[in-house]
Every structure is written in structure tokens, then in C-alpha cells.
Amino acid sequence: MDINLLRSVVTVLTFAIFLAIVWWAMSQSNQSDFDEAAQLPFRQED
């Protein structure tokens, strides 16, 4: 296996993982969880 082929495969695989993470973060099913987590610093402890 040529080193340049390996580098290309790793680059494409890394880009695919990046796109999967972006898709997961932007999915509507996770929006309520992220909205709740965004409000944690402002929550008052009793």
C-alpha cells in the first residue's frame, strides 16, 4: 500500500466522520437536549 493512498483514505475517512458529527449536532431530535444544556450556566441552585 502506497503511503499517499493511505493518507488519502485517512483524509476521506476523517472528513466523513466530521460530516457525521455535524449532521448529528444539527439534527432536530437533539435540539431540545442542546437547548436544555445551554441553559445550565444560568440555572439557579436552591
N, C-alpha and C. Protein backbone atom coordinates (compact mmCIF):
# COMPACT_ATOMS: atom_id res chain seq x y z
N MET A 1 0.84 -1.17 0.00
CA MET A 1 0.00 0.00 0.00
C MET A 1 0.89 1.24 0.00
N ASP A 2 0.64 2.11 -0.91
CA ASP A 2 1.39 3.35 -1.04
C ASP A 2 1.01 4.31 0.09
N ILE A 3 1.96 5.07 0.59
CA ILE A 3 1.71 5.99 1.68
C ILE A 3 0.72 7.08 1.27
N ASN A 4 0.76 7.50 0.01
CA ASN A 4 -0.18 8.53 -0.44
C ASN A 4 -1.61 8.01 -0.49
N LEU A 5 -1.79 6.75 -0.82
CA LEU A 5 -3.12 6.15 -0.79
C LEU A 5 -3.63 6.09 0.64
N LEU A 6 -2.77 5.72 1.56
CA LEU A 6 -3.15 5.68 2.97
C LEU A 6 -3.54 7.07 3.47
N ARG A 7 -2.78 8.08 3.11
CA ARG A 7 -3.10 9.45 3.51
C ARG A 7 -4.45 9.89 2.93
N SER A 8 -4.72 9.51 1.69
CA SER A 8 -5.99 9.87 1.07
C SER A 8 -7.16 9.19 1.77
N VAL A 9 -6.99 7.93 2.09
CA VAL A 9 -8.05 7.19 2.79
C VAL A 9 -8.31 7.79 4.16
N VAL A 10 -7.27 8.13 4.88
CA VAL A 10 -7.43 8.73 6.21
C VAL A 10 -8.11 10.09 6.11
N THR A 11 -7.76 10.87 5.10
CA THR A 11 -8.38 12.18 4.90
C THR A 11 -9.87 12.05 4.60
N VAL A 12 -10.22 11.15 3.72
CA VAL A 12 -11.63 10.94 3.38
C VAL A 12 -12.39 10.41 4.58
N LEU A 13 -11.82 9.49 5.31
CA LEU A 13 -12.47 8.94 6.50
C LEU A 13 -12.67 10.02 7.56
N THR A 14 -11.69 10.86 7.79
CA THR A 14 -11.80 11.95 8.76
C THR A 14 -12.88 12.94 8.34
N PHE A 15 -12.95 13.27 7.05
CA PHE A 15 -13.97 14.18 6.56
C PHE A 15 -15.36 13.57 6.74
N ALA A 16 -15.51 12.28 6.50
CA ALA A 16 -16.79 11.61 6.67
C ALA A 16 -17.21 11.63 8.14
N ILE A 17 -16.28 11.43 9.05
CA ILE A 17 -16.58 11.49 10.48
C ILE A 17 -16.99 12.90 10.87
N PHE A 18 -16.30 13.90 10.33
CA PHE A 18 -16.65 15.29 10.60
C PHE A 18 -18.07 15.58 10.13
N LEU A 19 -18.43 15.15 8.92
CA LEU A 19 -19.78 15.38 8.42
C LEU A 19 -20.83 14.67 9.27
N ALA A 20 -20.51 13.49 9.76
CA ALA A 20 -21.44 12.75 10.62
C ALA A 20 -21.66 13.50 11.94
N ILE A 21 -20.62 14.07 12.50
CA ILE A 21 -20.75 14.83 13.75
C ILE A 21 -21.58 16.09 13.52
N VAL A 22 -21.35 16.78 12.41
CA VAL A 22 -22.14 17.97 12.09
C VAL A 22 -23.60 17.60 11.89
N TRP A 23 -23.87 16.51 11.17
CA TRP A 23 -25.24 16.07 10.97
C TRP A 23 -25.91 15.73 12.30
N TRP A 24 -25.20 15.06 13.18
CA TRP A 24 -25.75 14.70 14.49
C TRP A 24 -26.05 15.94 15.31
N ALA A 25 -25.14 16.92 15.29
CA ALA A 25 -25.33 18.12 16.08
C ALA A 25 -26.47 18.98 15.56
N MET A 26 -26.73 18.93 14.27
CA MET A 26 -27.78 19.77 13.68
C MET A 26 -29.13 19.06 13.57
N SER A 27 -29.20 17.81 13.95
CA SER A 27 -30.46 17.09 13.82
C SER A 27 -31.51 17.63 14.79
N GLN A 28 -32.73 17.65 14.35
CA GLN A 28 -33.82 18.21 15.14
C GLN A 28 -34.11 17.39 16.39
N SER A 29 -33.81 16.12 16.38
CA SER A 29 -34.11 15.28 17.54
C SER A 29 -33.23 15.62 18.74
N ASN A 30 -32.07 16.24 18.52
CA ASN A 30 -31.18 16.60 19.61
C ASN A 30 -31.35 18.05 20.06
N GLN A 31 -32.18 18.81 19.39
CA GLN A 31 -32.29 20.24 19.67
C GLN A 31 -32.75 20.51 21.10
N SER A 32 -33.73 19.78 21.60
CA SER A 32 -34.22 20.03 22.95
C SER A 32 -33.14 19.73 24.00
N ASP A 33 -32.35 18.70 23.79
CA ASP A 33 -31.26 18.39 24.71
C ASP A 33 -30.21 19.49 24.73
N PHE A 34 -29.88 20.02 23.55
CA PHE A 34 -28.89 21.08 23.46
C PHE A 34 -29.42 22.39 24.04
N ASP A 35 -30.71 22.68 23.85
CA ASP A 35 -31.30 23.88 24.43
C ASP A 35 -31.27 23.82 25.95
N GLU A 36 -31.57 22.65 26.49
CA GLU A 36 -31.52 22.47 27.95
C GLU A 36 -30.09 22.61 28.47
N ALA A 37 -29.13 22.04 27.78
CA ALA A 37 -27.73 22.13 28.20
C ALA A 37 -27.22 23.57 28.10
N ALA A 38 -27.73 24.33 27.15
CA ALA A 38 -27.30 25.72 27.00
C ALA A 38 -27.76 26.59 28.16
N GLN A 39 -28.82 26.18 28.83
CA GLN A 39 -29.35 26.97 29.94
C GLN A 39 -28.75 26.58 31.29
N LEU A 40 -27.93 25.55 31.35
CA LEU A 40 -27.35 25.10 32.61
C LEU A 40 -26.55 26.19 33.35
N PRO A 41 -25.74 27.00 32.69
CA PRO A 41 -24.98 28.02 33.43
C PRO A 41 -25.87 29.08 34.09
N PHE A 42 -27.09 29.24 33.61
CA PHE A 42 -27.98 30.28 34.14
C PHE A 42 -28.95 29.75 35.18
N ARG A 43 -28.94 28.48 35.43
CA ARG A 43 -29.88 27.87 36.37
C ARG A 43 -29.47 28.21 37.81
N GLN A 44 -30.44 28.59 38.59
CA GLN A 44 -30.19 28.95 39.99
C GLN A 44 -30.32 27.70 40.87
N GLU A 45 -29.34 27.53 41.74
CA GLU A 45 -29.39 26.42 42.69
C GLU A 45 -30.17 26.87 43.93
N ASP A 46 -31.05 26.03 44.42
CA ASP A 46 -31.84 26.35 45.62
C ASP A 46 -31.21 25.78 46.86
